[in-house]
Protein backbone atom coordinates (compact mmCIF):
# COMPACT_ATOMS: atom_id res chain seq x y z
CA MET A 1 10.39 -25.92 -1.18
CA GLY A 2 9.28 -24.38 2.33
CA ARG A 3 6.13 -24.99 4.13
CA LYS A 4 3.09 -22.77 3.23
CA PRO A 5 2.51 -20.47 6.42
CA THR A 6 -0.82 -20.93 8.14
CA ILE A 7 -0.91 -17.65 9.54
CA THR A 8 -0.89 -14.64 7.06
CA ARG A 9 -0.45 -10.97 7.78
CA ASP A 10 -4.10 -10.66 6.73
CA SER A 11 -5.24 -13.31 9.14
CA LEU A 12 -3.24 -11.41 11.94
CA LEU A 13 -4.98 -8.30 11.20
CA ASP A 14 -8.42 -10.02 11.32
CA VAL A 15 -7.07 -11.33 14.79
CA ALA A 16 -6.11 -8.01 15.88
CA GLU A 17 -9.28 -6.28 14.80
CA ASP A 18 -11.27 -8.91 17.00
CA ILE A 19 -9.01 -8.06 20.06
CA VAL A 20 -9.53 -4.27 19.70
CA ARG A 21 -13.51 -4.80 18.96
CA THR A 22 -14.03 -6.77 21.96
CA GLU A 23 -11.25 -5.79 24.53
CA GLY A 24 -10.43 -2.18 23.43
CA ALA A 25 -7.50 -0.65 21.81
CA LYS A 26 -5.24 -0.80 24.91
CA ALA A 27 -5.68 -4.87 24.80
CA LEU A 28 -3.77 -5.21 21.55
CA THR A 29 -0.24 -5.98 21.98
CA ILE A 30 2.05 -8.37 20.13
CA GLY A 31 1.94 -10.91 23.20
CA ALA A 32 -1.94 -10.62 22.93
CA LEU A 33 -2.04 -11.06 19.08
CA ALA A 34 0.49 -13.98 19.46
CA SER A 35 -1.73 -15.82 22.15
CA ALA A 36 -5.26 -15.32 20.21
CA ALA A 37 -3.53 -16.50 16.84
CA GLY A 38 -2.17 -19.22 18.61
CA ILE A 39 1.51 -18.32 17.41
CA SER A 40 4.71 -17.28 19.33
CA LYS A 41 5.44 -13.47 19.43
CA GLY A 42 8.20 -14.09 16.94
CA GLY A 43 5.72 -15.49 14.42
CA VAL A 44 3.66 -11.99 15.04
CA GLN A 45 6.89 -9.85 14.59
CA TYR A 46 7.71 -11.66 11.32
CA SER A 47 4.72 -9.90 9.95
CA PHE A 48 4.90 -6.71 12.27
CA ALA A 49 7.94 -5.86 13.66
CA SER A 50 6.42 -3.88 16.54
CA LYS A 51 3.10 -2.80 17.73
CA ASP A 52 3.51 0.34 16.00
CA ASP A 53 3.82 -1.27 12.41
CA LEU A 54 0.80 -3.44 13.73
CA VAL A 55 -1.29 -0.37 14.46
CA ARG A 56 -0.21 0.92 11.03
CA ALA A 57 -1.26 -1.83 9.17
CA LEU A 58 -4.44 -1.69 10.81
CA ILE A 59 -5.31 1.83 9.98
CA GLU A 60 -4.27 1.31 6.55
CA ARG A 61 -6.30 -1.62 6.13
CA TRP A 62 -9.48 0.34 7.46
CA THR A 63 -8.67 3.61 5.43
CA GLN A 64 -8.43 1.43 2.40
CA GLN A 65 -11.65 -0.31 3.19
CA PHE A 66 -13.10 3.13 3.72
CA ASP A 67 -11.90 4.39 0.59
CA ALA A 68 -13.36 1.50 -1.31
CA LEU A 69 -16.65 2.25 0.21
CA LEU A 70 -16.48 5.73 -0.56
CA GLU A 71 -15.49 4.98 -4.40
CA THR A 72 -15.58 8.73 -5.01
CA ASP A 73 -16.03 9.73 -8.55
CA GLU A 74 -13.82 13.11 -9.32
CA SER A 75 -16.79 14.49 -11.32
CA LEU A 76 -18.96 14.62 -8.24
CA ASP A 77 -19.93 18.04 -6.97
CA ALA A 78 -19.04 19.02 -3.16
CA PRO A 79 -22.71 18.01 -2.03
CA ALA A 80 -22.74 14.80 -3.65
CA LEU A 81 -19.16 13.78 -2.53
CA VAL A 82 -20.42 14.49 1.19
CA ARG A 83 -23.58 12.67 0.81
CA GLN A 84 -21.38 9.67 -0.58
CA TYR A 85 -19.05 10.03 2.22
CA ILE A 86 -22.05 9.98 4.75
CA GLN A 87 -23.17 6.73 3.13
CA ALA A 88 -19.68 5.17 3.59
CA MET A 89 -19.35 6.14 7.10
CA ARG A 90 -22.75 4.34 7.69
CA ALA A 91 -21.70 1.25 6.04
CA SER A 92 -18.16 1.33 7.75
CA GLN A 93 -19.61 1.57 11.23
CA GLN A 94 -19.98 -2.51 11.66
CA ALA A 95 -16.25 -2.74 11.26
CA MET A 96 -15.14 0.70 12.94
CA ASN A 97 -16.71 1.00 16.19
CA ALA A 98 -15.55 3.56 18.97
CA LYS A 99 -12.72 0.90 20.26
CA MET A 100 -11.21 1.04 16.89
CA ALA A 101 -11.35 4.89 16.50
CA GLY A 102 -9.54 5.04 20.03
CA LEU A 103 -6.68 2.99 18.31
CA MET A 104 -6.66 5.86 15.86
CA ILE A 105 -5.84 8.29 18.54
CA GLY A 106 -2.63 6.39 19.39
CA TYR A 107 -1.87 5.96 15.80
CA ILE A 108 -1.67 9.90 15.00
CA GLU A 109 0.94 10.32 18.08
CA ASP A 110 3.45 9.19 15.69
CA PRO A 111 4.50 12.53 13.62
CA GLU A 112 4.54 10.69 10.26
CA ASN A 113 1.06 9.30 10.76
CA LEU A 114 -0.17 12.40 11.66
CA ARG A 115 1.14 13.94 8.45
CA GLU A 116 -0.63 11.13 6.47
CA THR A 117 -3.85 11.76 8.20
CA ARG A 118 -3.66 15.49 7.57
CA ARG A 119 -2.81 14.44 3.69
CA TRP A 120 -5.73 12.57 3.53
CA TYR A 121 -7.89 15.34 5.08
CA HIS A 122 -6.35 17.87 2.77
CA ALA A 123 -7.22 15.96 -0.09
CA ILE A 124 -10.96 15.71 0.84
CA PHE A 125 -10.76 19.59 1.51
CA ASP A 126 -9.22 20.38 -1.76
CA ARG A 127 -12.32 18.59 -3.49
CA LEU A 128 -14.85 20.45 -1.37
CA GLY A 129 -13.11 23.65 -1.70
CA ALA A 130 -15.35 25.63 -4.36
CA ALA A 131 -16.59 28.79 -3.23
CA THR A 132 -20.14 28.17 -3.64
CA PRO A 133 -23.11 27.92 -1.25
CA GLU A 134 -23.39 24.23 -2.05
CA ALA A 135 -19.89 23.57 -1.59
CA GLN A 136 -19.91 25.60 2.09
CA ALA A 137 -22.86 23.42 2.94
CA ALA A 138 -21.04 20.15 2.12
CA ARG A 139 -17.71 21.29 4.10
CA VAL A 140 -20.03 21.99 7.13
CA ALA A 141 -21.71 18.58 6.66
CA PHE A 142 -18.57 16.82 6.20
CA LEU A 143 -17.22 18.45 9.53
CA ALA A 144 -20.28 17.49 11.48
CA VAL A 145 -20.03 13.86 10.40
CA GLU A 146 -16.49 13.77 11.35
CA GLY A 147 -17.14 15.46 14.53
CA LEU A 148 -19.71 12.62 15.23
CA PHE A 149 -17.06 10.08 14.40
CA LEU A 150 -14.93 11.62 17.09
CA LEU A 151 -17.67 11.72 19.63
CA ARG A 152 -18.01 7.82 18.98
CA ILE A 153 -14.82 7.36 20.69
CA VAL A 154 -16.00 8.78 23.99
CA GLY A 155 -19.08 6.45 23.63
CA ILE A 156 -21.79 8.83 22.39
CA ASP A 157 -23.35 5.93 20.45
CA GLU A 158 -23.82 3.59 23.45
CA ASP A 159 -27.66 4.12 23.07
CA GLY A 160 -27.55 4.01 19.19
CA SER A 161 -28.09 7.61 18.75
CA TRP A 162 -25.39 8.15 16.27
CA ALA A 163 -27.43 7.23 13.31
CA GLY A 164 -29.92 9.57 14.18
CA PHE A 165 -27.30 12.28 14.28
CA VAL A 166 -26.09 11.44 11.00
CA ASP A 167 -29.79 11.46 9.74
CA ASP A 168 -29.81 15.25 10.99
CA VAL A 169 -26.70 16.08 8.87
CA GLU A 170 -27.97 14.56 5.75
CA ALA A 171 -31.15 16.30 6.26
CA VAL A 172 -29.64 19.75 6.76
CA LEU A 173 -27.44 19.09 3.86
CA ALA A 174 -30.35 18.23 1.74
CA ARG A 175 -32.17 21.31 2.79
CA LEU A 176 -28.97 23.59 1.89
CA THR A 177 -28.15 21.99 -1.31
């Protein structure tokens, strides 16, 4: 019977998130992860063959966490879905800060990752696709929140203004629906 590993894939992802959160996306390397986890590079590569695999696993983890927060009910109308999306965005911001969002930029440079990201957005747009004024308002609110997410990458939230901008989107959505 083999010895039980003390470092798991999930614990390595925890350490990787910490590196990205504290030092930025560029600091995440196989070597940096190995050093921070107190294992060899080979130990990291046992779980993640390459940095691309590591980044893909981080993005998948964040997407799953976000989707769990979103907990979409298929019967929600477009405005209710976007309101729920905004709440999920707010709840996820402790984990998904601008440095982690920066890591996503590198992620979508890979054509397959870009296709997966596009599939995710198409699924959202399919849910928001009704030809009603409410659905139109919901689509605009969704796009506004996504734009705010991207603005975090360039540091728009250094003064904490991001939450106020999201409040603005919610207020306008409420008025329009």
